[in-house]
Amino acid sequence: MKTDYLIIGAGPAGIFTALELIKRGCKDKITFVEKGAAIEKRACPKAKTGVCMNCKNCAITTGFSGAGAFSDGKLSLSADVGGDLPDLIGFETVQSLIEYTDKIYLDFGADKKIEGVGHAEEIKEIRKKAIQAGLKLVDCPIRHMGTEKAQKIYYDIEQFLLNNGVEMHFNSECVDLTIENEVCTGADVVINGKTEHVDAKEVIVATGRRGALWLEVMCAKHGILHQPGTVDIGVRVEVRNEVMEEINKVLYEAKLIGYPKPF
């Protein structure tokens, strides 16, 4: 098989790669290889059995749009949250890309309402109390799509890509990369139970967190230097609504950073 752009993984990174190529007028062949199912065919058996069936390809984390399909569809619209990307490419660049991406979601039907904005005086008072408590209140507008709306948006994106000639191979898996003269020129993929080689002008590896171990194995096999990204580990503490009511009625989802003393 031959293609121009081979995208391994149909999560957000792969999806937006294809969208950007189309937006820029690309007429070349774009091919996805995704180990999960199309979004309209993703179904977790736990809904019927009540227990995890340990499926080979988890319907919650794999498939078109990745884990985002079954999330509550919250888009954080601030570069102040979400990882260390601002340290790598700059805060203003990240914020600009967030706004650019947000517009694409709006174009596909996301709710225009933004939570966590307005109420300037109330937020000022909350920030003051946070400082007194040794906390930092992070400004983070949120666009809340909701699970069902998020699935509808991703389905529409999937159909848009298909209607624009993008080839998608679901329930398929990349088992190896082809590296020639330090350039990735293709991959070996399992499609419909058969392994075949795909030659590509460009290969985009977008396997996400779920494919991190696979990518590490590929890098080790082909001698590619790599460094894992950081993973935030936190503690979830649930309290009665009365405790957070003053904050929750003003901020849809408050983000407060504390710096406890080491122990």
C-alpha atoms as a PDB file:
ATOM      1  CA  MET A   1       0.000   0.000   0.000  1.00  0.00           C
ATOM      2  CA  LYS A   2       1.142   3.537  -0.719  1.00  0.00           C
ATOM      3  CA  THR A   3      -0.017   6.816   0.767  1.00  0.00           C
ATOM      4  CA  ASP A   4       1.289  10.342   1.096  1.00  0.00           C
ATOM      5  CA  TYR A   5       0.506  10.956   4.766  1.00  0.00           C
ATOM      6  CA  LEU A   6       0.277   7.988   7.121  1.00  0.00           C
ATOM      7  CA  ILE A   7      -1.192   8.965  10.494  1.00  0.00           C
ATOM      8  CA  ILE A   8      -0.802   6.360  13.222  1.00  0.00           C
ATOM      9  CA  GLY A   9      -3.508   6.965  15.806  1.00  0.00           C
ATOM     10  CA  ALA A  10      -6.859   8.746  15.406  1.00  0.00           C
ATOM     11  CA  GLY A  11      -6.845  10.664  18.660  1.00  0.00           C
ATOM     12  CA  PRO A  12      -6.906  14.479  18.814  1.00  0.00           C
ATOM     13  CA  ALA A  13      -3.315  14.880  17.536  1.00  0.00           C
ATOM     14  CA  GLY A  14      -3.946  12.716  14.475  1.00  0.00           C
ATOM     15  CA  ILE A  15      -7.381  14.182  13.821  1.00  0.00           C
ATOM     16  CA  PHE A  16      -6.197  17.774  13.888  1.00  0.00           C
ATOM     17  CA  THR A  17      -3.214  16.891  11.703  1.00  0.00           C
ATOM     18  CA  ALA A  18      -5.624  15.680   9.019  1.00  0.00           C
ATOM     19  CA  LEU A  19      -7.916  18.687   9.470  1.00  0.00           C
ATOM     20  CA  GLU A  20      -4.984  21.069   9.077  1.00  0.00           C
ATOM     21  CA  LEU A  21      -3.745  19.311   5.949  1.00  0.00           C
ATOM     22  CA  ILE A  22      -7.196  19.600   4.376  1.00  0.00           C
ATOM     23  CA  LYS A  23      -7.552  23.232   5.446  1.00  0.00           C
ATOM     24  CA  ARG A  24      -4.260  24.032   3.732  1.00  0.00           C
ATOM     25  CA  GLY A  25      -5.542  22.583   0.484  1.00  0.00           C
ATOM     26  CA  CYS A  26      -3.735  19.255   0.608  1.00  0.00           C
ATOM     27  CA  LYS A  27      -4.900  16.973  -2.210  1.00  0.00           C
ATOM     28  CA  ASP A  28      -2.525  14.143  -1.348  1.00  0.00           C
ATOM     29  CA  LYS A  29      -3.701  10.830   0.065  1.00  0.00           C
ATOM     30  CA  ILE A  30      -4.150  10.787   3.852  1.00  0.00           C
ATOM     31  CA  THR A  31      -4.402   7.430   5.619  1.00  0.00           C
ATOM     32  CA  PHE A  32      -5.228   6.671   9.259  1.00  0.00           C
ATOM     33  CA  VAL A  33      -4.311   3.472  11.083  1.00  0.00           C
ATOM     34  CA  GLU A  34      -6.239   3.237  14.365  1.00  0.00           C
ATOM     35  CA  LYS A  35      -6.315   0.233  16.698  1.00  0.00           C
ATOM     36  CA  GLY A  36      -9.801   1.086  17.989  1.00  0.00           C
ATOM     37  CA  ALA A  37     -13.158   1.459  16.255  1.00  0.00           C
ATOM     38  CA  ALA A  38     -14.941   4.273  14.452  1.00  0.00           C
ATOM     39  CA  ILE A  39     -16.618   6.550  16.978  1.00  0.00           C
ATOM     40  CA  GLU A  40     -20.131   5.374  16.105  1.00  0.00           C
ATOM     41  CA  LYS A  41     -19.070   1.761  16.736  1.00  0.00           C
ATOM     42  CA  ARG A  42     -17.293   2.280  20.042  1.00  0.00           C
ATOM     43  CA  ALA A  43     -19.148   0.500  22.845  1.00  0.00           C
ATOM     44  CA  CYS A  44     -17.820  -0.669  26.202  1.00  0.00           C
ATOM     45  CA  PRO A  45     -19.277  -4.057  27.278  1.00  0.00           C
ATOM     46  CA  LYS A  46     -19.073  -2.961  30.916  1.00  0.00           C
ATOM     47  CA  ALA A  47     -22.296  -1.026  30.356  1.00  0.00           C
ATOM     48  CA  LYS A  48     -24.078  -4.408  30.069  1.00  0.00           C
ATOM     49  CA  THR A  49     -21.918  -6.710  32.183  1.00  0.00           C
ATOM     50  CA  GLY A  50     -21.123  -4.327  35.020  1.00  0.00           C
ATOM     51  CA  VAL A  51     -17.478  -5.450  35.033  1.00  0.00           C
ATOM     52  CA  CYS A  52     -14.445  -4.668  32.889  1.00  0.00           C
ATOM     53  CA  MET A  53     -13.942  -7.394  30.279  1.00  0.00           C
ATOM     54  CA  ASN A  54     -10.284  -6.450  29.688  1.00  0.00           C
ATOM     55  CA  CYS A  55     -10.837  -6.068  25.956  1.00  0.00           C
ATOM     56  CA  LYS A  56      -7.725  -6.210  23.793  1.00  0.00           C
ATOM     57  CA  ASN A  57      -8.526  -2.738  22.504  1.00  0.00           C
ATOM     58  CA  CYS A  58     -10.351  -0.758  25.175  1.00  0.00           C
ATOM     59  CA  ALA A  59     -13.380   1.014  23.709  1.00  0.00           C
ATOM     60  CA  ILE A  60     -13.014   3.801  26.270  1.00  0.00           C
ATOM     61  CA  THR A  61      -9.429   4.757  25.442  1.00  0.00           C
ATOM     62  CA  THR A  62      -8.996   3.651  21.815  1.00  0.00           C
ATOM     63  CA  GLY A  63     -10.915   4.463  18.670  1.00  0.00           C
ATOM     64  CA  PHE A  64     -11.623   7.654  16.758  1.00  0.00           C
ATOM     65  CA  SER A  65     -11.083  10.699  19.033  1.00  0.00           C
ATOM     66  CA  GLY A  66      -9.342   8.640  21.728  1.00  0.00           C
ATOM     67  CA  ALA A  67     -10.418   8.959  25.358  1.00  0.00           C
ATOM     68  CA  GLY A  68     -12.086  12.284  24.575  1.00  0.00           C
ATOM     69  CA  ALA A  69     -15.164  10.550  23.156  1.00  0.00           C
ATOM     70  CA  PHE A  70     -16.358   9.456  26.594  1.00  0.00           C
ATOM     71  CA  SER A  71     -15.088  12.398  28.638  1.00  0.00           C
ATOM     72  CA  ASP A  72     -17.397  15.171  29.813  1.00  0.00           C
ATOM     73  CA  GLY A  73     -16.109  17.318  26.981  1.00  0.00           C
ATOM     74  CA  LYS A  74     -14.395  20.135  28.859  1.00  0.00           C
ATOM     75  CA  LEU A  75     -12.020  22.337  26.894  1.00  0.00           C
ATOM     76  CA  SER A  76      -9.677  24.363  29.098  1.00  0.00           C
ATOM     77  CA  LEU A  77      -9.012  27.585  27.219  1.00  0.00           C
ATOM     78  CA  SER A  78      -5.971  28.806  29.125  1.00  0.00           C
ATOM     79  CA  ALA A  79      -2.285  28.042  28.625  1.00  0.00           C
ATOM     80  CA  ASP A  80      -1.927  28.232  32.410  1.00  0.00           C
ATOM     81  CA  VAL A  81      -3.236  24.677  32.736  1.00  0.00           C
ATOM     82  CA  GLY A  82      -2.551  21.409  30.982  1.00  0.00           C
ATOM     83  CA  GLY A  83       1.154  20.691  31.177  1.00  0.00           C
ATOM     84  CA  ASP A  84       4.561  22.090  30.309  1.00  0.00           C
ATOM     85  CA  LEU A  85       3.969  23.006  26.657  1.00  0.00           C
ATOM     86  CA  PRO A  86       4.377  26.761  27.381  1.00  0.00           C
ATOM     87  CA  ASP A  87       7.896  26.010  28.641  1.00  0.00           C
ATOM     88  CA  LEU A  88       8.718  24.319  25.338  1.00  0.00           C
ATOM     89  CA  ILE A  89       7.250  26.679  22.744  1.00  0.00           C
ATOM     90  CA  GLY A  90       6.238  29.785  24.702  1.00  0.00           C
ATOM     91  CA  PHE A  91       3.086  30.881  26.527  1.00  0.00           C
ATOM     92  CA  GLU A  92       1.768  33.185  23.789  1.00  0.00           C
ATOM     93  CA  THR A  93       2.202  30.520  21.111  1.00  0.00           C
ATOM     94  CA  VAL A  94       0.310  27.967  23.197  1.00  0.00           C
ATOM     95  CA  GLN A  95      -2.507  30.418  23.949  1.00  0.00           C
ATOM     96  CA  SER A  96      -2.792  31.271  20.259  1.00  0.00           C
ATOM     97  CA  LEU A  97      -2.991  27.583  19.331  1.00  0.00           C
ATOM     98  CA  ILE A  98      -5.644  26.966  22.006  1.00  0.00           C
ATOM     99  CA  GLU A  99      -7.804  29.728  20.539  1.00  0.00           C
ATOM    100  CA  TYR A 100      -7.199  28.412  17.016  1.00  0.00           C
ATOM    101  CA  THR A 101      -8.223  24.899  18.046  1.00  0.00           C
ATOM    102  CA  ASP A 102     -11.227  26.162  19.994  1.00  0.00           C
ATOM    103  CA  LYS A 103     -12.540  27.855  16.851  1.00  0.00           C
ATOM    104  CA  ILE A 104     -12.436  24.518  15.043  1.00  0.00           C
ATOM    105  CA  TYR A 105     -14.600  22.977  17.764  1.00  0.00           C
ATOM    106  CA  LEU A 106     -16.994  25.907  17.389  1.00  0.00           C
ATOM    107  CA  ASP A 107     -17.113  25.364  13.629  1.00  0.00           C
ATOM    108  CA  PHE A 108     -18.230  21.782  14.298  1.00  0.00           C
ATOM    109  CA  GLY A 109     -20.991  22.827  16.683  1.00  0.00           C
ATOM    110  CA  ALA A 110     -19.508  23.292  20.156  1.00  0.00           C
ATOM    111  CA  ASP A 111     -21.583  25.409  22.569  1.00  0.00           C
ATOM    112  CA  LYS A 112     -20.552  29.067  22.369  1.00  0.00           C
ATOM    113  CA  LYS A 113     -21.037  29.601  26.103  1.00  0.00           C
ATOM    114  CA  ILE A 114     -17.818  29.891  28.116  1.00  0.00           C
ATOM    115  CA  GLU A 115     -17.840  29.093  31.820  1.00  0.00           C
ATOM    116  CA  GLY A 116     -15.661  30.825  34.401  1.00  0.00           C
ATOM    117  CA  VAL A 117     -15.717  34.343  32.943  1.00  0.00           C
ATOM    118  CA  GLY A 118     -17.411  37.468  34.261  1.00  0.00           C
ATOM    119  CA  HIS A 119     -18.143  38.066  37.980  1.00  0.00           C
ATOM    120  CA  ALA A 120     -15.009  40.213  38.241  1.00  0.00           C
ATOM    121  CA  GLU A 121     -15.633  41.451  41.793  1.00  0.00           C
ATOM    122  CA  GLU A 122     -16.535  38.005  43.130  1.00  0.00           C
ATOM    123  CA  ILE A 123     -13.453  36.459  41.506  1.00  0.00           C
ATOM    124  CA  LYS A 124     -11.300  39.246  42.962  1.00  0.00           C
ATOM    125  CA  GLU A 125     -12.585  38.393  46.440  1.00  0.00           C
ATOM    126  CA  ILE A 126     -11.979  34.664  45.918  1.00  0.00           C
ATOM    127  CA  ARG A 127      -8.436  35.389  44.714  1.00  0.00           C
ATOM    128  CA  LYS A 128      -7.829  37.515  47.819  1.00  0.00           C
ATOM    129  CA  LYS A 129      -8.997  34.720  50.121  1.00  0.00           C
ATOM    130  CA  ALA A 130      -6.902  32.209  48.181  1.00  0.00           C
ATOM    131  CA  ILE A 131      -3.764  34.300  48.706  1.00  0.00           C
ATOM    132  CA  GLN A 132      -4.522  34.520  52.418  1.00  0.00           C
ATOM    133  CA  ALA A 133      -4.761  30.720  52.484  1.00  0.00           C
ATOM    134  CA  GLY A 134      -1.465  30.282  50.637  1.00  0.00           C
ATOM    135  CA  LEU A 135      -3.122  29.331  47.346  1.00  0.00           C
ATOM    136  CA  LYS A 136      -2.987  30.677  43.795  1.00  0.00           C
ATOM    137  CA  LEU A 137      -6.224  30.974  41.821  1.00  0.00           C
ATOM    138  CA  VAL A 138      -5.641  30.134  38.159  1.00  0.00           C
ATOM    139  CA  ASP A 139      -7.797  31.886  35.581  1.00  0.00           C
ATOM    140  CA  CYS A 140      -9.145  29.184  33.278  1.00  0.00           C
ATOM    141  CA  PRO A 141     -12.180  29.736  31.038  1.00  0.00           C
ATOM    142  CA  ILE A 142     -13.857  26.436  30.142  1.00  0.00           C
ATOM    143  CA  ARG A 143     -16.025  25.422  27.222  1.00  0.00           C
ATOM    144  CA  HIS A 144     -18.182  22.541  28.409  1.00  0.00           C
ATOM    145  CA  MET A 145     -19.511  20.410  25.556  1.00  0.00           C
ATOM    146  CA  GLY A 146     -20.824  17.472  27.577  1.00  0.00           C
ATOM    147  CA  THR A 147     -20.308  13.791  26.731  1.00  0.00           C
ATOM    148  CA  GLU A 148     -23.111  13.451  24.170  1.00  0.00           C
ATOM    149  CA  LYS A 149     -22.242  16.723  22.438  1.00  0.00           C
ATOM    150  CA  ALA A 150     -18.554  15.788  22.331  1.00  0.00           C
ATOM    151  CA  GLN A 151     -19.387  12.473  20.654  1.00  0.00           C
ATOM    152  CA  LYS A 152     -21.600  14.258  18.100  1.00  0.00           C
ATOM    153  CA  ILE A 153     -18.833  16.758  17.313  1.00  0.00           C
ATOM    154  CA  TYR A 154     -16.217  14.030  16.865  1.00  0.00           C
ATOM    155  CA  TYR A 155     -18.627  12.027  14.695  1.00  0.00           C
ATOM    156  CA  ASP A 156     -19.135  15.079  12.479  1.00  0.00           C
ATOM    157  CA  ILE A 157     -15.360  15.542  12.260  1.00  0.00           C
ATOM    158  CA  GLU A 158     -14.946  11.873  11.347  1.00  0.00           C
ATOM    159  CA  GLN A 159     -17.528  12.202   8.573  1.00  0.00           C
ATOM    160  CA  PHE A 160     -15.940  15.442   7.354  1.00  0.00           C
ATOM    161  CA  LEU A 161     -12.592  13.695   6.982  1.00  0.00           C
ATOM    162  CA  LEU A 162     -14.144  10.724   5.179  1.00  0.00           C
ATOM    163  CA  ASN A 163     -16.062  13.031   2.842  1.00  0.00           C
ATOM    164  CA  ASN A 164     -12.780  14.748   2.018  1.00  0.00           C
ATOM    165  CA  GLY A 165     -11.206  11.496   0.885  1.00  0.00           C
ATOM    166  CA  VAL A 166      -9.314  10.550   4.044  1.00  0.00           C
ATOM    167  CA  GLU A 167      -8.783   6.782   4.263  1.00  0.00           C
ATOM    168  CA  MET A 168      -9.384   5.236   7.688  1.00  0.00           C
ATOM    169  CA  HIS A 169      -8.425   1.740   8.798  1.00  0.00           C
ATOM    170  CA  PHE A 170     -10.041   0.957  12.143  1.00  0.00           C
ATOM    171  CA  ASN A 171      -9.337  -2.063  14.355  1.00  0.00           C
ATOM    172  CA  SER A 172      -5.902  -2.023  12.746  1.00  0.00           C
ATOM    173  CA  GLU A 173      -2.508  -1.833  14.360  1.00  0.00           C
ATOM    174  CA  CYS A 174       0.958  -0.591  13.494  1.00  0.00           C
ATOM    175  CA  VAL A 175       3.502  -3.249  14.458  1.00  0.00           C
ATOM    176  CA  ASP A 176       6.699  -1.622  13.197  1.00  0.00           C
ATOM    177  CA  LEU A 177       8.132   1.510  11.639  1.00  0.00           C
ATOM    178  CA  THR A 178      10.394   1.612   8.602  1.00  0.00           C
ATOM    179  CA  ILE A 179      13.434   3.812   9.183  1.00  0.00           C
ATOM    180  CA  GLU A 180      15.800   4.524   6.289  1.00  0.00           C
ATOM    181  CA  ASN A 181      18.733   6.933   6.661  1.00  0.00           C
ATOM    182  CA  GLU A 182      17.194   8.279   9.888  1.00  0.00           C
ATOM    183  CA  VAL A 183      13.894   9.037   8.135  1.00  0.00           C
ATOM    184  CA  CYS A 184      10.613   7.203   8.717  1.00  0.00           C
ATOM    185  CA  THR A 185       9.401   6.118   5.282  1.00  0.00           C
ATOM    186  CA  GLY A 186       6.549   3.802   6.196  1.00  0.00           C
ATOM    187  CA  ALA A 187       5.227   1.191   8.573  1.00  0.00           C
ATOM    188  CA  ASP A 188       4.089  -2.398   8.875  1.00  0.00           C
ATOM    189  CA  VAL A 189       0.432  -2.521   9.833  1.00  0.00           C
ATOM    190  CA  VAL A 190      -2.098  -5.255  10.531  1.00  0.00           C
ATOM    191  CA  ILE A 191      -5.310  -4.590   8.604  1.00  0.00           C
ATOM    192  CA  ASN A 192      -8.140  -7.143   8.621  1.00  0.00           C
ATOM    193  CA  GLY A 193      -5.816  -9.650  10.253  1.00  0.00           C
ATOM    194  CA  LYS A 194      -3.141  -9.378   7.562  1.00  0.00           C
ATOM    195  CA  THR A 195       0.208  -7.635   7.905  1.00  0.00           C
ATOM    196  CA  GLU A 196       1.118  -5.341   5.053  1.00  0.00           C
ATOM    197  CA  HIS A 197       3.703  -2.664   4.448  1.00  0.00           C
ATOM    198  CA  VAL A 198       2.668   0.943   3.902  1.00  0.00           C
ATOM    199  CA  ASP A 199       5.026   3.292   2.065  1.00  0.00           C
ATOM    200  CA  ALA A 200       4.470   6.938   2.952  1.00  0.00           C
ATOM    201  CA  LYS A 201       5.898  10.318   2.049  1.00  0.00           C
ATOM    202  CA  GLU A 202       5.331  11.449   5.635  1.00  0.00           C
ATOM    203  CA  VAL A 203       4.558   9.407   8.762  1.00  0.00           C
ATOM    204  CA  ILE A 204       2.858  11.076  11.715  1.00  0.00           C
ATOM    205  CA  VAL A 205       2.990   9.065  14.946  1.00  0.00           C
ATOM    206  CA  ALA A 206       0.092  10.254  17.110  1.00  0.00           C
ATOM    207  CA  THR A 207      -0.514   7.326  19.437  1.00  0.00           C
ATOM    208  CA  GLY A 208      -1.181   9.386  22.567  1.00  0.00           C
ATOM    209  CA  ARG A 209      -0.843   8.291  26.170  1.00  0.00           C
ATOM    210  CA  ARG A 210      -2.356   4.888  25.415  1.00  0.00           C
ATOM    211  CA  GLY A 211       0.398   4.204  22.878  1.00  0.00           C
ATOM    212  CA  ALA A 212       3.278   5.523  24.999  1.00  0.00           C
ATOM    213  CA  LEU A 213       4.694   2.064  25.739  1.00  0.00           C
ATOM    214  CA  TRP A 214       4.458   1.062  22.066  1.00  0.00           C
ATOM    215  CA  LEU A 215       6.285   4.235  21.047  1.00  0.00           C
ATOM    216  CA  GLU A 216       8.982   3.603  23.644  1.00  0.00           C
ATOM    217  CA  VAL A 217       9.516   0.110  22.211  1.00  0.00           C
ATOM    218  CA  MET A 218       9.725   1.517  18.674  1.00  0.00           C
ATOM    219  CA  CYS A 219      12.261   4.156  19.733  1.00  0.00           C
ATOM    220  CA  ALA A 220      14.402   1.575  21.507  1.00  0.00           C
ATOM    221  CA  LYS A 221      14.251  -0.805  18.532  1.00  0.00           C
ATOM    222  CA  HIS A 222      15.294   1.845  16.023  1.00  0.00           C
ATOM    223  CA  GLY A 223      17.764   3.723  18.207  1.00  0.00           C
ATOM    224  CA  ILE A 224      15.690   6.897  18.453  1.00  0.00           C
ATOM    225  CA  LEU A 225      16.566   9.143  21.378  1.00  0.00           C
ATOM    226  CA  HIS A 226      13.465   9.989  23.377  1.00  0.00           C
ATOM    227  CA  GLN A 227      12.336  11.396  26.683  1.00  0.00           C
ATOM    228  CA  PRO A 228       8.987  10.607  28.328  1.00  0.00           C
ATOM    229  CA  GLY A 229       6.705  13.520  29.128  1.00  0.00           C
ATOM    230  CA  THR A 230       5.710  14.190  32.702  1.00  0.00           C
ATOM    231  CA  VAL A 231       2.562  12.765  34.241  1.00  0.00           C
ATOM    232  CA  ASP A 232       0.805  14.693  36.983  1.00  0.00           C
ATOM    233  CA  ILE A 233      -0.244  12.621  39.972  1.00  0.00           C
ATOM    234  CA  GLY A 234      -2.838  14.074  42.307  1.00  0.00           C
ATOM    235  CA  VAL A 235      -5.208  13.282  45.118  1.00  0.00           C
ATOM    236  CA  ARG A 236      -8.938  13.692  44.612  1.00  0.00           C
ATOM    237  CA  VAL A 237     -10.742  15.042  47.661  1.00  0.00           C
ATOM    238  CA  GLU A 238     -14.530  15.334  47.551  1.00  0.00           C
ATOM    239  CA  VAL A 239     -16.311  17.667  49.950  1.00  0.00           C
ATOM    240  CA  ARG A 240     -19.891  18.732  50.568  1.00  0.00           C
ATOM    241  CA  ASN A 241     -21.219  21.388  48.202  1.00  0.00           C
ATOM    242  CA  GLU A 242     -21.595  23.849  51.078  1.00  0.00           C
ATOM    243  CA  VAL A 243     -17.815  23.915  51.483  1.00  0.00           C
ATOM    244  CA  MET A 244     -17.174  24.998  47.877  1.00  0.00           C
ATOM    245  CA  GLU A 245     -20.485  26.743  47.182  1.00  0.00           C
ATOM    246  CA  GLU A 246     -19.058  30.276  47.307  1.00  0.00           C
ATOM    247  CA  ILE A 247     -16.487  29.357  44.653  1.00  0.00           C
ATOM    248  CA  ASN A 248     -18.630  27.041  42.525  1.00  0.00           C
ATOM    249  CA  LYS A 249     -21.418  29.559  41.982  1.00  0.00           C
ATOM    250  CA  VAL A 250     -18.889  32.002  40.490  1.00  0.00           C
ATOM    251  CA  LEU A 251     -16.304  29.735  38.859  1.00  0.00           C
ATOM    252  CA  TYR A 252     -17.483  26.690  36.914  1.00  0.00           C
ATOM    253  CA  GLU A 253     -14.362  24.748  37.777  1.00  0.00           C
ATOM    254  CA  ALA A 254     -11.920  26.589  40.022  1.00  0.00           C
ATOM    255  CA  LYS A 255      -8.250  25.676  39.802  1.00  0.00           C
ATOM    256  CA  LEU A 256      -6.241  26.481  42.911  1.00  0.00           C
ATOM    257  CA  ILE A 257      -2.535  25.755  43.254  1.00  0.00           C
ATOM    258  CA  GLY A 258      -0.996  25.167  46.653  1.00  0.00           C
ATOM    259  CA  TYR A 259       2.644  24.704  47.559  1.00  0.00           C
ATOM    260  CA  PRO A 260       2.762  22.633  50.751  1.00  0.00           C
ATOM    261  CA  LYS A 261       5.901  22.400  52.827  1.00  0.00           C
ATOM    262  CA  PRO A 262       8.042  19.329  52.085  1.00  0.00           C
ATOM    263  CA  PHE A 263       7.927  16.470  54.555  1.00  0.00           C
END
